PDB file of N, CA and C in Angstrom:
ATOM      1  N   MET A   1      -0.010   1.760  17.854  1.00  0.00           N
ATOM      2  CA  MET A   1       0.259   1.091  16.594  1.00  0.00           C
ATOM      3  C   MET A   1      -1.059   0.919  15.846  1.00  0.00           C
ATOM      4  N   SER A   2      -1.012   1.120  14.557  1.00  0.00           N
ATOM      5  CA  SER A   2      -2.205   1.018  13.718  1.00  0.00           C
ATOM      6  C   SER A   2      -1.893   0.133  12.514  1.00  0.00           C
ATOM      7  N   THR A   3      -2.865  -0.680  12.112  1.00  0.00           N
ATOM      8  CA  THR A   3      -2.712  -1.541  10.938  1.00  0.00           C
ATOM      9  C   THR A   3      -3.938  -1.389  10.053  1.00  0.00           C
ATOM     10  N   VAL A   4      -3.705  -1.227   8.757  1.00  0.00           N
ATOM     11  CA  VAL A   4      -4.803  -1.147   7.796  1.00  0.00           C
ATOM     12  C   VAL A   4      -4.435  -2.000   6.584  1.00  0.00           C
ATOM     13  N   THR A   5      -5.428  -2.680   6.027  1.00  0.00           N
ATOM     14  CA  THR A   5      -5.230  -3.485   4.824  1.00  0.00           C
ATOM     15  C   THR A   5      -6.100  -2.919   3.709  1.00  0.00           C
ATOM     16  N   VAL A   6      -5.483  -2.727   2.552  1.00  0.00           N
ATOM     17  CA  VAL A   6      -6.209  -2.205   1.392  1.00  0.00           C
ATOM     18  C   VAL A   6      -6.036  -3.157   0.223  1.00  0.00           C
ATOM     19  N   LYS A   7      -6.987  -3.140  -0.682  1.00  0.00           N
ATOM     20  CA  LYS A   7      -6.942  -3.952  -1.904  1.00  0.00           C
ATOM     21  C   LYS A   7      -6.437  -3.047  -3.032  1.00  0.00           C
ATOM     22  N   VAL A   8      -5.433  -3.538  -3.748  1.00  0.00           N
ATOM     23  CA  VAL A   8      -4.839  -2.774  -4.839  1.00  0.00           C
ATOM     24  C   VAL A   8      -5.179  -3.453  -6.160  1.00  0.00           C
ATOM     25  N   ALA A   9      -5.748  -2.701  -7.081  1.00  0.00           N
ATOM     26  CA  ALA A   9      -6.135  -3.228  -8.389  1.00  0.00           C
ATOM     27  C   ALA A   9      -4.997  -3.067  -9.389  1.00  0.00           C
ATOM     28  N   GLY A  10      -4.772  -4.108 -10.178  1.00  0.00           N
ATOM     29  CA  GLY A  10      -3.861  -4.009 -11.302  1.00  0.00           C
ATOM     30  C   GLY A  10      -2.474  -4.590 -11.114  1.00  0.00           C
ATOM     31  N   MET A  11      -2.133  -5.050  -9.927  1.00  0.00           N
ATOM     32  CA  MET A  11      -0.807  -5.638  -9.736  1.00  0.00           C
ATOM     33  C   MET A  11      -0.767  -7.012 -10.398  1.00  0.00           C
ATOM     34  N   THR A  12       0.247  -7.238 -11.245  1.00  0.00           N
ATOM     35  CA  THR A  12       0.335  -8.521 -11.951  1.00  0.00           C
ATOM     36  C   THR A  12       1.674  -9.218 -11.789  1.00  0.00           C
ATOM     37  N   CYS A  13       2.664  -8.544 -11.196  1.00  0.00           N
ATOM     38  CA  CYS A  13       3.991  -9.159 -11.077  1.00  0.00           C
ATOM     39  C   CYS A  13       4.700  -8.665  -9.825  1.00  0.00           C
ATOM     40  N   SER A  14       5.842  -9.253  -9.544  1.00  0.00           N
ATOM     41  CA  SER A  14       6.577  -8.876  -8.338  1.00  0.00           C
ATOM     42  C   SER A  14       7.087  -7.436  -8.414  1.00  0.00           C
ATOM     43  N   HIS A  15       7.373  -6.949  -9.612  1.00  0.00           N
ATOM     44  CA  HIS A  15       7.791  -5.546  -9.753  1.00  0.00           C
ATOM     45  C   HIS A  15       6.648  -4.614  -9.365  1.00  0.00           C
ATOM     46  N   CYS A  16       5.424  -4.970  -9.750  1.00  0.00           N
ATOM     47  CA  CYS A  16       4.246  -4.194  -9.368  1.00  0.00           C
ATOM     48  C   CYS A  16       4.148  -4.108  -7.841  1.00  0.00           C
ATOM     49  N   ALA A  17       4.256  -5.252  -7.207  1.00  0.00           N
ATOM     50  CA  ALA A  17       4.146  -5.312  -5.747  1.00  0.00           C
ATOM     51  C   ALA A  17       5.263  -4.517  -5.087  1.00  0.00           C
ATOM     52  N   SER A  18       6.451  -4.573  -5.652  1.00  0.00           N
ATOM     53  CA  SER A  18       7.587  -3.833  -5.111  1.00  0.00           C
ATOM     54  C   SER A  18       7.366  -2.331  -5.216  1.00  0.00           C
ATOM     55  N   SER A  19       6.815  -1.874  -6.326  1.00  0.00           N
ATOM     56  CA  SER A  19       6.528  -0.448  -6.500  1.00  0.00           C
ATOM     57  C   SER A  19       5.510   0.035  -5.472  1.00  0.00           C
ATOM     58  N   VAL A  20       4.457  -0.754  -5.275  1.00  0.00           N
ATOM     59  CA  VAL A  20       3.429  -0.402  -4.290  1.00  0.00           C
ATOM     60  C   VAL A  20       4.046  -0.395  -2.893  1.00  0.00           C
ATOM     61  N   HIS A  21       4.857  -1.400  -2.588  1.00  0.00           N
ATOM     62  CA  HIS A  21       5.526  -1.496  -1.288  1.00  0.00           C
ATOM     63  C   HIS A  21       6.359  -0.243  -1.019  1.00  0.00           C
ATOM     64  N   ASP A  22       7.156   0.160  -1.993  1.00  0.00           N
ATOM     65  CA  ASP A  22       8.035   1.315  -1.820  1.00  0.00           C
ATOM     66  C   ASP A  22       7.254   2.602  -1.613  1.00  0.00           C
ATOM     67  N   GLU A  23       6.205   2.808  -2.395  1.00  0.00           N
ATOM     68  CA  GLU A  23       5.412   4.036  -2.261  1.00  0.00           C
ATOM     69  C   GLU A  23       4.680   4.090  -0.921  1.00  0.00           C
ATOM     70  N   LEU A  24       4.070   2.966  -0.518  1.00  0.00           N
ATOM     71  CA  LEU A  24       3.380   2.950   0.775  1.00  0.00           C
ATOM     72  C   LEU A  24       4.374   3.136   1.913  1.00  0.00           C
ATOM     73  N   GLY A  25       5.555   2.575   1.772  1.00  0.00           N
ATOM     74  CA  GLY A  25       6.578   2.707   2.797  1.00  0.00           C
ATOM     75  C   GLY A  25       7.117   4.111   2.948  1.00  0.00           C
ATOM     76  N   SER A  26       6.902   4.952   1.943  1.00  0.00           N
ATOM     77  CA  SER A  26       7.408   6.328   2.000  1.00  0.00           C
ATOM     78  C   SER A  26       6.450   7.284   2.715  1.00  0.00           C
ATOM     79  N   ILE A  27       5.268   6.799   3.081  1.00  0.00           N
ATOM     80  CA  ILE A  27       4.310   7.645   3.817  1.00  0.00           C
ATOM     81  C   ILE A  27       4.863   7.896   5.220  1.00  0.00           C
ATOM     82  N   PRO A  28       4.905   9.159   5.650  1.00  0.00           N
ATOM     83  CA  PRO A  28       5.409   9.462   6.995  1.00  0.00           C
ATOM     84  C   PRO A  28       4.646   8.692   8.081  1.00  0.00           C
ATOM     85  N   GLY A  29       5.392   8.082   9.001  1.00  0.00           N
ATOM     86  CA  GLY A  29       4.786   7.352  10.106  1.00  0.00           C
ATOM     87  C   GLY A  29       4.611   5.867   9.852  1.00  0.00           C
ATOM     88  N   VAL A  30       4.755   5.441   8.581  1.00  0.00           N
ATOM     89  CA  VAL A  30       4.608   4.020   8.262  1.00  0.00           C
ATOM     90  C   VAL A  30       5.842   3.268   8.748  1.00  0.00           C
ATOM     91  N   THR A  31       5.610   2.181   9.485  1.00  0.00           N
ATOM     92  CA  THR A  31       6.709   1.404  10.053  1.00  0.00           C
ATOM     93  C   THR A  31       6.890   0.052   9.363  1.00  0.00           C
ATOM     94  N   GLY A  32       5.889  -0.391   8.596  1.00  0.00           N
ATOM     95  CA  GLY A  32       6.000  -1.661   7.902  1.00  0.00           C
ATOM     96  C   GLY A  32       4.946  -1.808   6.829  1.00  0.00           C
ATOM     97  N   VAL A  33       5.321  -2.495   5.749  1.00  0.00           N
ATOM     98  CA  VAL A  33       4.398  -2.729   4.635  1.00  0.00           C
ATOM     99  C   VAL A  33       4.560  -4.175   4.175  1.00  0.00           C
ATOM    100  N   ASP A  34       3.444  -4.853   3.963  1.00  0.00           N
ATOM    101  CA  ASP A  34       3.455  -6.201   3.399  1.00  0.00           C
ATOM    102  C   ASP A  34       2.488  -6.216   2.229  1.00  0.00           C
ATOM    103  N   VAL A  35       3.009  -6.501   1.032  1.00  0.00           N
ATOM    104  CA  VAL A  35       2.176  -6.560  -0.169  1.00  0.00           C
ATOM    105  C   VAL A  35       2.082  -8.017  -0.610  1.00  0.00           C
ATOM    106  N   ASP A  36       0.861  -8.531  -0.699  1.00  0.00           N
ATOM    107  CA  ASP A  36       0.616  -9.911  -1.133  1.00  0.00           C
ATOM    108  C   ASP A  36       0.091  -9.877  -2.563  1.00  0.00           C
ATOM    109  N   LEU A  37       0.955 -10.210  -3.497  1.00  0.00           N
ATOM    110  CA  LEU A  37       0.601 -10.156  -4.921  1.00  0.00           C
ATOM    111  C   LEU A  37      -0.571 -11.065  -5.255  1.00  0.00           C
ATOM    112  N   SER A  38      -0.608 -12.263  -4.684  1.00  0.00           N
ATOM    113  CA  SER A  38      -1.650 -13.223  -5.044  1.00  0.00           C
ATOM    114  C   SER A  38      -3.051 -12.758  -4.635  1.00  0.00           C
ATOM    115  N   SER A  39      -3.150 -12.061  -3.506  1.00  0.00           N
ATOM    116  CA  SER A  39      -4.463 -11.572  -3.063  1.00  0.00           C
ATOM    117  C   SER A  39      -4.714 -10.132  -3.507  1.00  0.00           C
ATOM    118  N   GLY A  40      -3.650  -9.442  -3.891  1.00  0.00           N
ATOM    119  CA  GLY A  40      -3.778  -8.035  -4.271  1.00  0.00           C
ATOM    120  C   GLY A  40      -3.941  -7.116  -3.075  1.00  0.00           C
ATOM    121  N   LYS A  41      -3.579  -7.594  -1.885  1.00  0.00           N
ATOM    122  CA  LYS A  41      -3.765  -6.794  -0.680  1.00  0.00           C
ATOM    123  C   LYS A  41      -2.433  -6.267  -0.158  1.00  0.00           C
ATOM    124  N   ALA A  42      -2.502  -5.068   0.387  1.00  0.00           N
ATOM    125  CA  ALA A  42      -1.338  -4.454   1.022  1.00  0.00           C
ATOM    126  C   ALA A  42      -1.711  -4.113   2.461  1.00  0.00           C
ATOM    127  N   THR A  43      -0.874  -4.543   3.388  1.00  0.00           N
ATOM    128  CA  THR A  43      -1.091  -4.249   4.798  1.00  0.00           C
ATOM    129  C   THR A  43      -0.038  -3.240   5.235  1.00  0.00           C
ATOM    130  N   VAL A  44      -0.524  -2.161   5.841  1.00  0.00           N
ATOM    131  CA  VAL A  44       0.349  -1.070   6.259  1.00  0.00           C
ATOM    132  C   VAL A  44       0.291  -0.931   7.771  1.00  0.00           C
ATOM    133  N   GLU A  45       1.453  -0.961   8.413  1.00  0.00           N
ATOM    134  CA  GLU A  45       1.551  -0.738   9.847  1.00  0.00           C
ATOM    135  C   GLU A  45       2.159   0.636  10.065  1.00  0.00           C
ATOM    136  N   SER A  46       1.640   1.341  11.064  1.00  0.00           N
ATOM    137  CA  SER A  46       2.123   2.692  11.316  1.00  0.00           C
ATOM    138  C   SER A  46       2.014   3.042  12.795  1.00  0.00           C
ATOM    139  N   ASP A  47       2.705   4.123  13.159  1.00  0.00           N
ATOM    140  CA  ASP A  47       2.671   4.593  14.543  1.00  0.00           C
ATOM    141  C   ASP A  47       1.295   5.123  14.910  1.00  0.00           C
ATOM    142  N   SER A  48       0.638   5.753  13.944  1.00  0.00           N
ATOM    143  CA  SER A  48      -0.707   6.287  14.146  1.00  0.00           C
ATOM    144  C   SER A  48      -1.505   6.029  12.873  1.00  0.00           C
ATOM    145  N   PRO A  49      -2.835   6.131  12.932  1.00  0.00           N
ATOM    146  CA  PRO A  49      -3.640   5.841  11.732  1.00  0.00           C
ATOM    147  C   PRO A  49      -3.202   6.669  10.520  1.00  0.00           C
ATOM    148  N   VAL A  50      -3.139   6.008   9.366  1.00  0.00           N
ATOM    149  CA  VAL A  50      -2.754   6.667   8.115  1.00  0.00           C
ATOM    150  C   VAL A  50      -4.018   7.114   7.396  1.00  0.00           C
ATOM    151  N   ASP A  51      -4.006   8.339   6.928  1.00  0.00           N
ATOM    152  CA  ASP A  51      -5.134   8.912   6.201  1.00  0.00           C
ATOM    153  C   ASP A  51      -5.377   8.133   4.906  1.00  0.00           C
ATOM    154  N   ASN A  52      -6.639   7.841   4.621  1.00  0.00           N
ATOM    155  CA  ASN A  52      -6.980   7.095   3.401  1.00  0.00           C
ATOM    156  C   ASN A  52      -6.504   7.800   2.144  1.00  0.00           C
ATOM    157  N   ASP A  53      -6.522   9.132   2.149  1.00  0.00           N
ATOM    158  CA  ASP A  53      -6.045   9.873   0.975  1.00  0.00           C
ATOM    159  C   ASP A  53      -4.554   9.648   0.754  1.00  0.00           C
ATOM    160  N   ALA A  54      -3.785   9.517   1.842  1.00  0.00           N
ATOM    161  CA  ALA A  54      -2.351   9.253   1.716  1.00  0.00           C
ATOM    162  C   ALA A  54      -2.113   7.874   1.117  1.00  0.00           C
ATOM    163  N   LEU A  55      -2.910   6.898   1.538  1.00  0.00           N
ATOM    164  CA  LEU A  55      -2.803   5.553   0.970  1.00  0.00           C
ATOM    165  C   LEU A  55      -3.134   5.577  -0.517  1.00  0.00           C
ATOM    166  N   LYS A  56      -4.224   6.237  -0.852  1.00  0.00           N
ATOM    167  CA  LYS A  56      -4.676   6.326  -2.252  1.00  0.00           C
ATOM    168  C   LYS A  56      -3.609   6.997  -3.117  1.00  0.00           C
ATOM    169  N   THR A  57      -3.064   8.095  -2.632  1.00  0.00           N
ATOM    170  CA  THR A  57      -2.048   8.827  -3.386  1.00  0.00           C
ATOM    171  C   THR A  57      -0.802   7.976  -3.600  1.00  0.00           C
ATOM    172  N   ALA A  58      -0.361   7.270  -2.566  1.00  0.00           N
ATOM    173  CA  ALA A  58       0.836   6.432  -2.683  1.00  0.00           C
ATOM    174  C   ALA A  58       0.628   5.316  -3.702  1.00  0.00           C
ATOM    175  N   VAL A  59      -0.531   4.670  -3.661  1.00  0.00           N
ATOM    176  CA  VAL A  59      -0.824   3.588  -4.602  1.00  0.00           C
ATOM    177  C   VAL A  59      -0.886   4.145  -6.028  1.00  0.00           C
ATOM    178  N   GLU A  60      -1.479   5.315  -6.193  1.00  0.00           N
ATOM    179  CA  GLU A  60      -1.556   5.932  -7.521  1.00  0.00           C
ATOM    180  C   GLU A  60      -0.176   6.341  -8.023  1.00  0.00           C
ATOM    181  N   GLU A  61       0.701   6.789  -7.115  1.00  0.00           N
ATOM    182  CA  GLU A  61       2.074   7.143  -7.508  1.00  0.00           C
ATOM    183  C   GLU A  61       2.809   5.916  -8.055  1.00  0.00           C
ATOM    184  N   ALA A  62       2.465   4.748  -7.536  1.00  0.00           N
ATOM    185  CA  ALA A  62       3.061   3.496  -8.015  1.00  0.00           C
ATOM    186  C   ALA A  62       2.453   3.049  -9.341  1.00  0.00           C
ATOM    187  N   GLY A  63       1.358   3.687  -9.745  1.00  0.00           N
ATOM    188  CA  GLY A  63       0.722   3.370 -11.028  1.00  0.00           C
ATOM    189  C   GLY A  63      -0.492   2.468 -10.923  1.00  0.00           C
ATOM    190  N   TYR A  64      -1.065   2.363  -9.715  1.00  0.00           N
ATOM    191  CA  TYR A  64      -2.210   1.460  -9.498  1.00  0.00           C
ATOM    192  C   TYR A  64      -3.327   2.209  -8.796  1.00  0.00           C
ATOM    193  N   GLN A  65      -4.411   1.506  -8.517  1.00  0.00           N
ATOM    194  CA  GLN A  65      -5.562   2.121  -7.854  1.00  0.00           C
ATOM    195  C   GLN A  65      -6.019   1.245  -6.708  1.00  0.00           C
ATOM    196  N   LEU A  66      -6.606   1.906  -5.702  1.00  0.00           N
ATOM    197  CA  LEU A  66      -7.233   1.142  -4.643  1.00  0.00           C
ATOM    198  C   LEU A  66      -8.505   0.519  -5.209  1.00  0.00           C
ATOM    199  N   ALA A  67      -8.759  -0.719  -4.883  1.00  0.00           N
ATOM    200  CA  ALA A  67      -9.960  -1.411  -5.349  1.00  0.00           C
ATOM    201  C   ALA A  67     -11.028  -1.348  -4.260  1.00  0.00           C
ATOM    202  N   GLY A  68     -12.277  -1.349  -4.688  1.00  0.00           N
ATOM    203  CA  GLY A  68     -13.373  -1.398  -3.749  1.00  0.00           C
ATOM    204  C   GLY A  68     -13.670  -0.071  -3.203  1.00  0.00           C
TER     205      GLY A  68
END
């Protein structure tokens, strides 16, 4: 099991967080996603480590960017 937390820039509402949640959840191997709107952080749990490019692409598909 692998867990990674990323900071997402630009989320301002629950719809934003839901979009990010759905896109991250569609990455193959991801078993759970928790998006915290107030902190701007998304935690992704998976069977094996998720490639950073896959995380970046999923967040961008939702219309946002990884911060930091």
